[in-house]
C-alpha cells in the first residue's frame, strides 16, 4: 500500500545532513526508486536526482577505487 509521508526530498536530505553533522562517523543508505509516473513534471527522474545530488553534493559518496 502506498501512502504519502508528507515530506519532500529536500526535507529528507536536510534531516540526513543534520544527522551526519551530529554523528560524522555514521553512514546513511537510501534506496531511491521511481514508483509512480511523473505526470506534470518537466524533467525526468534521473535529472531530478542529479539536481538534488548537485545541490547536496557533500552528502553523496562519489565512487572511487576504494570502498566508501
PDB file of N, CA and C in Angstrom:
ATOM      1  N   UNK A   1       0.846  -1.186   0.000  1.00  0.00           N
ATOM      2  CA  UNK A   1       0.000   0.000   0.000  1.00  0.00           C
ATOM      3  C   UNK A   1       0.882   1.237   0.000  1.00  0.00           C
ATOM      4  N   UNK A   2       0.598   2.156  -0.912  1.00  0.00           N
ATOM      5  CA  UNK A   2       1.332   3.416  -0.977  1.00  0.00           C
ATOM      6  C   UNK A   2       0.657   4.457  -0.092  1.00  0.00           C
ATOM      7  N   UNK A   3       1.464   5.298   0.518  1.00  0.00           N
ATOM      8  CA  UNK A   3       0.914   6.421   1.262  1.00  0.00           C
ATOM      9  C   UNK A   3       1.930   7.548   1.291  1.00  0.00           C
ATOM     10  N   UNK A   4       1.445   8.758   1.407  1.00  0.00           N
ATOM     11  CA  UNK A   4       2.270   9.961   1.394  1.00  0.00           C
ATOM     12  C   UNK A   4       2.754  10.259   2.808  1.00  0.00           C
ATOM     13  N   UNK A   5       4.057  10.410   2.974  1.00  0.00           N
ATOM     14  CA  UNK A   5       4.623  10.716   4.282  1.00  0.00           C
ATOM     15  C   UNK A   5       4.520  12.203   4.622  1.00  0.00           C
ATOM     16  N   UNK A   6       4.170  13.025   3.635  1.00  0.00           N
ATOM     17  CA  UNK A   6       4.023  14.449   3.886  1.00  0.00           C
ATOM     18  C   UNK A   6       5.342  15.206   3.958  1.00  0.00           C
ATOM     19  N   UNK A   7       6.403  14.637   3.403  1.00  0.00           N
ATOM     20  CA  UNK A   7       7.699  15.319   3.351  1.00  0.00           C
ATOM     21  C   UNK A   7       8.221  15.264   1.922  1.00  0.00           C
ATOM     22  N   UNK A   8       9.082  16.206   1.603  1.00  0.00           N
ATOM     23  CA  UNK A   8       9.698  16.178   0.284  1.00  0.00           C
ATOM     24  C   UNK A   8      11.170  15.784   0.428  1.00  0.00           C
ATOM     25  N   UNK A   9      11.836  15.605  -0.686  1.00  0.00           N
ATOM     26  CA  UNK A   9      13.216  15.118  -0.653  1.00  0.00           C
ATOM     27  C   UNK A   9      14.161  16.139  -0.027  1.00  0.00           C
ATOM     28  N   UNK A  10      13.877  17.430  -0.188  1.00  0.00           N
ATOM     29  CA  UNK A  10      14.684  18.455   0.490  1.00  0.00           C
ATOM     30  C   UNK A  10      14.642  18.251   2.007  1.00  0.00           C
ATOM     31  N   UNK A  11      13.473  17.987   2.537  1.00  0.00           N
ATOM     32  CA  UNK A  11      13.332  17.773   3.980  1.00  0.00           C
ATOM     33  C   UNK A  11      14.087  16.520   4.433  1.00  0.00           C
ATOM     34  N   UNK A  12      14.029  15.493   3.632  1.00  0.00           N
ATOM     35  CA  UNK A  12      14.752  14.260   3.963  1.00  0.00           C
ATOM     36  C   UNK A  12      16.253  14.516   3.964  1.00  0.00           C
ATOM     37  N   UNK A  13      16.762  15.179   2.933  1.00  0.00           N
ATOM     38  CA  UNK A  13      18.198  15.426   2.846  1.00  0.00           C
ATOM     39  C   UNK A  13      18.669  16.397   3.926  1.00  0.00           C
ATOM     40  N   UNK A  14      17.851  17.346   4.309  1.00  0.00           N
ATOM     41  CA  UNK A  14      18.199  18.249   5.401  1.00  0.00           C
ATOM     42  C   UNK A  14      18.295  17.476   6.717  1.00  0.00           C
ATOM     43  N   UNK A  15      17.374  16.541   6.932  1.00  0.00           N
ATOM     44  CA  UNK A  15      17.418  15.698   8.126  1.00  0.00           C
ATOM     45  C   UNK A  15      18.664  14.824   8.128  1.00  0.00           C
ATOM     46  N   UNK A  16      18.991  14.247   6.982  1.00  0.00           N
ATOM     47  CA  UNK A  16      20.203  13.437   6.856  1.00  0.00           C
ATOM     48  C   UNK A  16      21.432  14.296   7.139  1.00  0.00           C
ATOM     49  N   UNK A  17      21.452  15.501   6.607  1.00  0.00           N
ATOM     50  CA  UNK A  17      22.583  16.411   6.809  1.00  0.00           C
ATOM     51  C   UNK A  17      22.754  16.736   8.301  1.00  0.00           C
ATOM     52  N   UNK A  18      21.678  17.005   8.986  1.00  0.00           N
ATOM     53  CA  UNK A  18      21.728  17.290  10.422  1.00  0.00           C
ATOM     54  C   UNK A  18      22.241  16.070  11.186  1.00  0.00           C
ATOM     55  N   UNK A  19      21.725  14.902  10.847  1.00  0.00           N
ATOM     56  CA  UNK A  19      22.173  13.669  11.495  1.00  0.00           C
ATOM     57  C   UNK A  19      23.667  13.450  11.296  1.00  0.00           C
ATOM     58  N   UNK A  20      24.139  13.616  10.064  1.00  0.00           N
ATOM     59  CA  UNK A  20      25.556  13.364   9.779  1.00  0.00           C
ATOM     60  C   UNK A  20      26.468  14.417  10.391  1.00  0.00           C
ATOM     61  N   UNK A  21      25.954  15.614  10.580  1.00  0.00           N
ATOM     62  CA  UNK A  21      26.732  16.643  11.270  1.00  0.00           C
ATOM     63  C   UNK A  21      26.881  16.272  12.753  1.00  0.00           C
ATOM     64  N   UNK A  22      25.818  15.754  13.324  1.00  0.00           N
ATOM     65  CA  UNK A  22      25.833  15.342  14.724  1.00  0.00           C
ATOM     66  C   UNK A  22      26.642  14.066  14.930  1.00  0.00           C
ATOM     67  N   UNK A  23      26.564  13.157  13.970  1.00  0.00           N
ATOM     68  CA  UNK A  23      27.236  11.851  14.061  1.00  0.00           C
ATOM     69  C   UNK A  23      28.095  11.633  12.810  1.00  0.00           C
ATOM     70  N   UNK A  24      29.232  12.314  12.724  1.00  0.00           N
ATOM     71  CA  UNK A  24      30.025  12.312  11.487  1.00  0.00           C
ATOM     72  C   UNK A  24      30.640  10.966  11.102  1.00  0.00           C
ATOM     73  N   UNK A  25      30.667  10.007  12.007  1.00  0.00           N
ATOM     74  CA  UNK A  25      31.222   8.701  11.635  1.00  0.00           C
ATOM     75  C   UNK A  25      30.156   7.736  11.128  1.00  0.00           C
ATOM     76  N   UNK A  26      28.916   8.170  11.092  1.00  0.00           N
ATOM     77  CA  UNK A  26      27.817   7.327  10.615  1.00  0.00           C
ATOM     78  C   UNK A  26      27.657   7.422   9.103  1.00  0.00           C
ATOM     79  N   UNK A  27      26.902   6.499   8.555  1.00  0.00           N
ATOM     80  CA  UNK A  27      26.573   6.465   7.135  1.00  0.00           C
ATOM     81  C   UNK A  27      25.072   6.258   6.990  1.00  0.00           C
ATOM     82  N   UNK A  28      24.487   6.915   6.010  1.00  0.00           N
ATOM     83  CA  UNK A  28      23.064   6.749   5.727  1.00  0.00           C
ATOM     84  C   UNK A  28      22.944   6.189   4.313  1.00  0.00           C
ATOM     85  N   UNK A  29      22.233   5.079   4.180  1.00  0.00           N
ATOM     86  CA  UNK A  29      21.987   4.477   2.872  1.00  0.00           C
ATOM     87  C   UNK A  29      20.542   4.729   2.485  1.00  0.00           C
ATOM     88  N   UNK A  30      20.338   5.230   1.302  1.00  0.00           N
ATOM     89  CA  UNK A  30      18.993   5.457   0.774  1.00  0.00           C
ATOM     90  C   UNK A  30      18.837   4.681  -0.520  1.00  0.00           C
ATOM     91  N   UNK A  31      17.705   4.073  -0.688  1.00  0.00           N
ATOM     92  CA  UNK A  31      17.379   3.387  -1.934  1.00  0.00           C
ATOM     93  C   UNK A  31      16.268   4.198  -2.595  1.00  0.00           C
ATOM     94  N   UNK A  32      16.599   4.811  -3.702  1.00  0.00           N
ATOM     95  CA  UNK A  32      15.641   5.670  -4.406  1.00  0.00           C
ATOM     96  C   UNK A  32      15.117   4.964  -5.645  1.00  0.00           C
ATOM     97  N   UNK A  33      13.813   4.953  -5.784  1.00  0.00           N
ATOM     98  CA  UNK A  33      13.195   4.369  -6.964  1.00  0.00           C
ATOM     99  C   UNK A  33      12.042   5.255  -7.413  1.00  0.00           C
ATOM    100  N   UNK A  34      11.788   5.243  -8.677  1.00  0.00           N
ATOM    101  CA  UNK A  34      10.638   5.957  -9.231  1.00  0.00           C
ATOM    102  C   UNK A  34       9.466   4.982  -9.217  1.00  0.00           C
ATOM    103  N   UNK A  35       8.552   5.177  -8.283  1.00  0.00           N
ATOM    104  CA  UNK A  35       7.455   4.231  -8.111  1.00  0.00           C
ATOM    105  C   UNK A  35       6.200   4.610  -8.879  1.00  0.00           C
ATOM    106  N   UNK A  36       6.070   5.857  -9.237  1.00  0.00           N
ATOM    107  CA  UNK A  36       4.878   6.302  -9.943  1.00  0.00           C
ATOM    108  C   UNK A  36       5.286   7.094 -11.173  1.00  0.00           C
ATOM    109  N   UNK A  37       4.370   7.216 -12.109  1.00  0.00           N
ATOM    110  CA  UNK A  37       4.671   8.022 -13.287  1.00  0.00           C
ATOM    111  C   UNK A  37       4.783   9.484 -12.861  1.00  0.00           C
ATOM    112  N   UNK A  38       5.534  10.231 -13.603  1.00  0.00           N
ATOM    113  CA  UNK A  38       5.799  11.625 -13.250  1.00  0.00           C
ATOM    114  C   UNK A  38       4.897  12.568 -14.040  1.00  0.00           C
ATOM    115  N   UNK A  39       3.610  12.439 -13.833  1.00  0.00           N
ATOM    116  CA  UNK A  39       2.674  13.304 -14.553  1.00  0.00           C
ATOM    117  C   UNK A  39       2.832  14.745 -14.082  1.00  0.00           C
ATOM    118  N   UNK A  40       2.904  15.652 -15.020  1.00  0.00           N
ATOM    119  CA  UNK A  40       3.024  17.069 -14.709  1.00  0.00           C
ATOM    120  C   UNK A  40       4.439  17.535 -14.423  1.00  0.00           C
ATOM    121  N   UNK A  41       5.420  16.634 -14.450  1.00  0.00           N
ATOM    122  CA  UNK A  41       6.810  17.018 -14.198  1.00  0.00           C
ATOM    123  C   UNK A  41       7.459  17.501 -15.487  1.00  0.00           C
ATOM    124  N   UNK A  42       8.393  18.410 -15.335  1.00  0.00           N
ATOM    125  CA  UNK A  42       9.068  18.960 -16.507  1.00  0.00           C
ATOM    126  C   UNK A  42      10.435  18.340 -16.755  1.00  0.00           C
ATOM    127  N   UNK A  43      10.872  17.436 -15.866  1.00  0.00           N
ATOM    128  CA  UNK A  43      12.154  16.768 -16.088  1.00  0.00           C
ATOM    129  C   UNK A  43      12.055  15.315 -15.636  1.00  0.00           C
ATOM    130  N   UNK A  44      12.996  14.530 -16.076  1.00  0.00           N
ATOM    131  CA  UNK A  44      12.990  13.098 -15.781  1.00  0.00           C
ATOM    132  C   UNK A  44      13.389  12.837 -14.327  1.00  0.00           C
ATOM    133  N   UNK A  45      13.117  11.622 -13.875  1.00  0.00           N
ATOM    134  CA  UNK A  45      13.538  11.185 -12.542  1.00  0.00           C
ATOM    135  C   UNK A  45      15.054  11.317 -12.405  1.00  0.00           C
ATOM    136  N   UNK A  46      15.777  10.911 -13.432  1.00  0.00           N
ATOM    137  CA  UNK A  46      17.245  10.976 -13.406  1.00  0.00           C
ATOM    138  C   UNK A  46      17.736  12.411 -13.295  1.00  0.00           C
ATOM    139  N   UNK A  47      17.131  13.324 -14.062  1.00  0.00           N
ATOM    140  CA  UNK A  47      17.538  14.725 -13.994  1.00  0.00           C
ATOM    141  C   UNK A  47      17.207  15.340 -12.639  1.00  0.00           C
ATOM    142  N   UNK A  48      16.091  14.940 -12.071  1.00  0.00           N
ATOM    143  CA  UNK A  48      15.722  15.425 -10.740  1.00  0.00           C
ATOM    144  C   UNK A  48      16.718  14.913  -9.702  1.00  0.00           C
ATOM    145  N   UNK A  49      17.069  13.634  -9.789  1.00  0.00           N
ATOM    146  CA  UNK A  49      18.080  13.073  -8.873  1.00  0.00           C
ATOM    147  C   UNK A  49      19.398  13.837  -9.001  1.00  0.00           C
ATOM    148  N   UNK A  50      19.845  14.084 -10.219  1.00  0.00           N
ATOM    149  CA  UNK A  50      21.108  14.791 -10.435  1.00  0.00           C
ATOM    150  C   UNK A  50      21.067  16.200  -9.840  1.00  0.00           C
ATOM    151  N   UNK A  51      19.933  16.870  -9.937  1.00  0.00           N
ATOM    152  CA  UNK A  51      19.796  18.213  -9.363  1.00  0.00           C
ATOM    153  C   UNK A  51      19.952  18.159  -7.837  1.00  0.00           C
ATOM    154  N   UNK A  52      19.318  17.174  -7.203  1.00  0.00           N
ATOM    155  CA  UNK A  52      19.478  17.022  -5.747  1.00  0.00           C
ATOM    156  C   UNK A  52      20.905  16.629  -5.388  1.00  0.00           C
ATOM    157  N   UNK A  53      21.485  15.720  -6.142  1.00  0.00           N
ATOM    158  CA  UNK A  53      22.865  15.300  -5.890  1.00  0.00           C
ATOM    159  C   UNK A  53      23.810  16.484  -5.969  1.00  0.00           C
ATOM    160  N   UNK A  54      23.603  17.354  -6.942  1.00  0.00           N
ATOM    161  CA  UNK A  54      24.461  18.530  -7.076  1.00  0.00           C
ATOM    162  C   UNK A  54      24.220  19.538  -5.950  1.00  0.00           C
ATOM    163  N   UNK A  55      22.964  19.717  -5.561  1.00  0.00           N
ATOM    164  CA  UNK A  55      22.631  20.682  -4.510  1.00  0.00           C
ATOM    165  C   UNK A  55      23.118  20.222  -3.130  1.00  0.00           C
ATOM    166  N   UNK A  56      23.166  18.920  -2.924  1.00  0.00           N
ATOM    167  CA  UNK A  56      23.585  18.350  -1.639  1.00  0.00           C
ATOM    168  C   UNK A  56      24.855  17.514  -1.817  1.00  0.00           C
ATOM    169  N   UNK A  57      25.752  17.969  -2.645  1.00  0.00           N
ATOM    170  CA  UNK A  57      26.938  17.198  -3.032  1.00  0.00           C
ATOM    171  C   UNK A  57      27.728  16.609  -1.859  1.00  0.00           C
ATOM    172  N   UNK A  58      27.936  17.338  -0.761  1.00  0.00           N
ATOM    173  CA  UNK A  58      28.730  16.752   0.331  1.00  0.00           C
ATOM    174  C   UNK A  58      28.089  15.505   0.970  1.00  0.00           C
ATOM    175  N   UNK A  59      26.798  15.307   0.782  1.00  0.00           N
ATOM    176  CA  UNK A  59      26.126  14.150   1.369  1.00  0.00           C
ATOM    177  C   UNK A  59      26.286  12.885   0.536  1.00  0.00           C
ATOM    178  N   UNK A  60      26.641  13.040  -0.713  1.00  0.00           N
ATOM    179  CA  UNK A  60      26.670  11.899  -1.629  1.00  0.00           C
ATOM    180  C   UNK A  60      28.089  11.383  -1.801  1.00  0.00           C
ATOM    181  N   UNK A  61      28.228  10.066  -1.718  1.00  0.00           N
ATOM    182  CA  UNK A  61      29.512   9.431  -1.941  1.00  0.00           C
ATOM    183  C   UNK A  61      29.784   9.355  -3.425  1.00  0.00           C
ATOM    184  N   UNK A  62      30.971   9.740  -3.816  1.00  0.00           N
ATOM    185  CA  UNK A  62      31.410   9.618  -5.198  1.00  0.00           C
ATOM    186  C   UNK A  62      32.301   8.378  -5.299  1.00  0.00           C
ATOM    187  N   UNK A  63      31.886   7.396  -6.087  1.00  0.00           N
ATOM    188  CA  UNK A  63      32.682   6.163  -6.177  1.00  0.00           C
ATOM    189  C   UNK A  63      34.114   6.421  -6.579  1.00  0.00           C
ATOM    190  N   UNK A  64      35.015   5.685  -5.933  1.00  0.00           N
ATOM    191  CA  UNK A  64      36.449   5.721  -6.243  1.00  0.00           C
ATOM    192  C   UNK A  64      36.908   4.279  -6.382  1.00  0.00           C
ATOM    193  N   UNK A  65      38.186   4.086  -6.387  1.00  0.00           N
ATOM    194  CA  UNK A  65      38.708   2.726  -6.461  1.00  0.00           C
ATOM    195  C   UNK A  65      38.713   2.055  -5.103  1.00  0.00           C
ATOM    196  N   UNK A  66      38.359   2.812  -4.039  1.00  0.00           N
ATOM    197  CA  UNK A  66      38.315   2.245  -2.689  1.00  0.00           C
ATOM    198  C   UNK A  66      36.883   2.155  -2.206  1.00  0.00           C
ATOM    199  N   UNK A  67      36.660   1.292  -1.232  1.00  0.00           N
ATOM    200  CA  UNK A  67      35.329   1.186  -0.626  1.00  0.00           C
ATOM    201  C   UNK A  67      34.984   2.499   0.070  1.00  0.00           C
ATOM    202  N   UNK A  68      33.690   2.790   0.191  1.00  0.00           N
ATOM    203  CA  UNK A  68      33.309   4.030   0.877  1.00  0.00           C
ATOM    204  C   UNK A  68      33.629   3.993   2.354  1.00  0.00           C
TER     205      UNK A  68
END
